[in-house]
N, C-alpha and C. Protein backbone atom coordinates (compact mmCIF):
# COMPACT_ATOMS: atom_id res chain seq x y z
N MET A 1 198.17 136.26 58.00
CA MET A 1 199.10 135.32 56.92
C MET A 1 199.03 136.70 55.25
N GLN A 2 199.32 136.41 54.42
CA GLN A 2 199.21 137.51 53.46
C GLN A 2 197.91 136.96 52.70
N ASP A 3 197.41 138.20 51.89
CA ASP A 3 195.97 137.32 51.32
C ASP A 3 196.59 136.97 49.95
N ASP A 4 197.51 136.93 49.31
CA ASP A 4 197.99 136.50 48.04
C ASP A 4 198.45 135.06 48.09
N PHE A 5 198.22 134.50 49.32
CA PHE A 5 198.68 133.16 49.69
C PHE A 5 197.53 132.23 48.84
N ARG A 6 198.51 131.17 48.57
CA ARG A 6 197.45 129.84 48.18
C ARG A 6 197.20 129.21 49.18
N LEU A 7 196.12 128.97 49.56
CA LEU A 7 196.39 127.85 51.12
C LEU A 7 195.89 126.49 50.54
N CYS A 8 195.89 125.65 51.18
CA CYS A 8 195.49 124.15 51.05
C CYS A 8 194.10 123.97 51.45
N PRO A 9 193.43 123.03 50.97
CA PRO A 9 192.21 122.87 51.41
C PRO A 9 192.05 122.62 53.10
N LEU A 10 192.56 122.02 53.84
CA LEU A 10 192.10 122.10 55.21
C LEU A 10 192.79 123.16 55.75
N ALA A 11 193.42 124.14 55.16
CA ALA A 11 194.34 125.46 56.28
C ALA A 11 193.22 125.78 57.00
N LEU A 12 192.26 126.71 56.62
CA LEU A 12 191.67 127.50 57.68
C LEU A 12 191.18 126.56 58.60
N LEU A 13 190.80 125.02 58.88
CA LEU A 13 190.99 124.00 59.91
C LEU A 13 191.81 124.00 60.55
N ALA A 14 192.81 124.06 60.41
CA ALA A 14 194.01 123.87 60.81
C ALA A 14 194.55 125.12 61.58
N LEU A 15 194.31 126.51 61.22
CA LEU A 15 194.46 127.87 61.99
C LEU A 15 193.30 127.77 62.88
N GLN A 16 191.87 127.46 62.83
CA GLN A 16 191.11 127.05 63.83
C GLN A 16 191.63 125.85 64.84
N HIS A 17 192.33 125.38 64.67
CA HIS A 17 192.85 124.45 65.33
C HIS A 17 193.34 125.20 66.61
N ILE A 18 194.64 125.83 65.35
CA ILE A 18 195.58 126.67 66.01
C ILE A 18 195.07 127.66 67.35
N VAL A 19 194.35 128.57 66.77
CA VAL A 19 193.81 129.69 67.79
C VAL A 19 193.27 128.58 68.71
N ARG A 20 192.21 127.91 68.66
CA ARG A 20 191.58 126.86 69.98
C ARG A 20 193.09 126.68 70.78
N LYS A 21 194.18 125.96 70.27
CA LYS A 21 195.09 125.44 71.24
C LYS A 21 195.49 126.46 71.96
N VAL A 22 196.27 127.51 71.31
CA VAL A 22 196.81 128.28 72.09
C VAL A 22 195.99 129.30 72.98
N SER A 23 194.47 129.47 72.76
CA SER A 23 193.88 130.19 73.24
C SER A 23 193.51 129.52 74.75
N ARG A 24 193.23 127.79 74.71
CA ARG A 24 193.33 127.21 76.22
C ARG A 24 194.82 127.37 76.86
N HIS A 25 195.77 128.01 75.98
CA HIS A 25 196.84 127.86 76.81
C HIS A 25 197.19 129.08 77.65
N ASP A 26 196.34 130.06 76.91
CA ASP A 26 197.00 131.50 77.20
C ASP A 26 195.83 132.12 76.60
N ALA A 27 195.14 132.77 77.26
CA ALA A 27 193.69 133.40 76.94
C ALA A 27 194.00 134.99 76.53
N GLU A 28 195.31 135.44 76.58
CA GLU A 28 195.68 136.68 76.43
C GLU A 28 196.78 136.71 75.39
N TRP A 29 196.87 135.78 74.89
CA TRP A 29 197.87 135.70 73.75
C TRP A 29 197.70 137.06 72.52
N LEU A 30 198.92 137.74 72.14
CA LEU A 30 198.81 138.16 70.93
C LEU A 30 199.24 137.88 69.74
N SER A 31 200.32 136.97 69.86
CA SER A 31 200.45 136.23 68.31
C SER A 31 200.74 134.91 68.95
N VAL A 32 200.82 134.24 67.20
CA VAL A 32 201.58 132.84 67.29
C VAL A 32 201.88 132.75 65.86
N ARG A 33 203.47 131.95 65.68
CA ARG A 33 204.13 132.03 64.75
C ARG A 33 203.95 130.27 64.10
N VAL A 34 203.61 130.53 63.08
CA VAL A 34 203.20 129.38 62.38
C VAL A 34 203.93 128.83 60.77
N SER A 35 204.70 130.31 60.61
CA SER A 35 205.86 130.01 59.60
C SER A 35 207.06 130.63 59.97
N PHE A 36 207.15 131.57 58.22
CA PHE A 36 208.39 132.08 58.49
C PHE A 36 208.13 133.40 58.32
N GLY A 37 209.06 134.79 58.93
CA GLY A 37 208.30 135.65 58.90
C GLY A 37 207.28 136.69 59.04
N LEU A 38 206.78 137.88 58.60
CA LEU A 38 205.66 138.21 59.30
C LEU A 38 204.23 137.27 58.43
N ALA A 39 204.65 137.06 57.30
CA ALA A 39 203.58 135.82 56.71
C ALA A 39 203.27 134.97 57.47
N GLY A 40 203.78 134.18 58.57
CA GLY A 40 203.77 133.21 59.58
C GLY A 40 203.14 133.39 60.69
N VAL A 41 202.65 134.74 60.60
CA VAL A 41 202.32 134.98 61.91
C VAL A 41 200.63 135.01 61.98
N LEU A 42 200.25 134.91 63.03
CA LEU A 42 198.76 134.96 63.30
C LEU A 42 198.41 136.13 65.09
N VAL A 43 198.06 137.00 64.43
CA VAL A 43 198.04 138.12 65.42
C VAL A 43 196.65 138.69 65.48
N ARG A 44 196.12 138.47 66.99
CA ARG A 44 194.96 138.63 67.20
C ARG A 44 194.60 140.25 67.39
N ASN A 45 193.29 140.89 66.78
CA ASN A 45 192.84 141.87 66.21
C ASN A 45 191.68 142.35 67.47
N ASP A 46 191.27 141.62 68.60
CA ASP A 46 190.06 141.93 69.10
C ASP A 46 190.03 143.09 70.19
N ASN A 47 191.57 143.13 70.54
CA ASN A 47 191.82 144.12 71.48
C ASN A 47 192.57 145.65 70.89
N HIS A 48 192.86 145.27 69.77
CA HIS A 48 193.77 146.32 68.63
C HIS A 48 195.11 146.06 68.82
N ASP A 49 195.27 145.07 69.11
CA ASP A 49 196.89 144.41 68.95
C ASP A 49 197.70 144.57 67.70
N LEU A 50 196.98 144.59 66.43
CA LEU A 50 196.84 144.82 64.84
C LEU A 50 197.98 146.22 64.93
N GLN A 51 196.98 146.84 65.45
CA GLN A 51 197.12 148.10 65.24
C GLN A 51 198.66 148.69 66.11
N ARG A 52 198.78 148.28 67.33
CA ARG A 52 199.63 148.20 68.39
C ARG A 52 201.24 147.40 67.77
N LEU A 53 200.68 146.59 67.41
CA LEU A 53 201.93 145.69 66.42
C LEU A 53 202.52 146.42 65.29
N ALA A 54 201.50 146.96 64.44
CA ALA A 54 201.93 148.04 63.36
C ALA A 54 202.55 149.50 63.43
N ASP A 55 202.16 149.95 64.96
CA ASP A 55 202.88 151.11 65.70
C ASP A 55 204.32 150.78 66.37
N HIS A 56 204.53 149.57 66.55
CA HIS A 56 205.81 149.36 67.23
C HIS A 56 206.36 149.04 65.81
N LEU A 57 206.19 148.77 64.94
CA LEU A 57 207.16 148.16 63.58
C LEU A 57 207.11 149.33 62.75
N GLN A 58 206.41 150.76 62.96
CA GLN A 58 206.53 151.76 62.50
C GLN A 58 207.58 152.59 63.50
N ARG A 59 207.80 152.67 64.34
CA ARG A 59 208.62 153.17 65.30
C ARG A 59 209.90 152.56 65.09
N HIS A 60 210.41 151.53 64.84
CA HIS A 60 211.27 150.83 64.69
C HIS A 60 211.88 150.64 63.12
N GLN A 61 211.12 151.58 62.00
CA GLN A 61 211.14 151.55 60.73
C GLN A 61 211.13 150.18 59.85
N LEU A 62 210.12 149.48 60.60
CA LEU A 62 209.68 148.37 59.66
C LEU A 62 208.28 148.40 59.21
N GLY A 63 208.03 149.62 59.52
CA GLY A 63 206.89 149.55 59.19
C GLY A 63 206.02 148.99 57.43
N SER A 64 206.78 149.06 56.37
CA SER A 64 206.28 149.26 55.40
C SER A 64 206.13 147.55 55.37
N MET A 65 206.30 146.44 56.67
CA MET A 65 206.33 145.13 56.02
C MET A 65 204.86 145.08 56.58
N LEU A 66 204.09 146.04 57.44
CA LEU A 66 202.53 145.54 57.76
C LEU A 66 202.14 146.73 57.59
N THR A 67 200.82 146.60 56.88
CA THR A 67 199.83 147.82 57.21
C THR A 67 198.12 147.35 57.36
N VAL A 68 198.05 148.22 58.19
CA VAL A 68 196.59 147.65 58.84
C VAL A 68 195.42 148.45 58.27
N PRO A 69 194.55 147.72 57.38
CA PRO A 69 193.45 148.80 56.78
C PRO A 69 192.78 149.21 57.76
N SER A 70 191.95 150.41 57.58
CA SER A 70 191.42 151.09 58.86
C SER A 70 190.21 150.77 58.47
């Protein structure tokens, strides 16, 4: 999710619920779509998945859509 989005008061609880539910379904999940565009994608980063996604987007000239903090 983008850092400039305004969230409803229960948004973090909803996101926690989504992560728990998808983790029960597939422990190795990479991303979950929760809305449209990249703003609606939760991406795991415990195995450096975010950097791999950024590299993929960069290779396919979509790199300006995602920056990964160092």
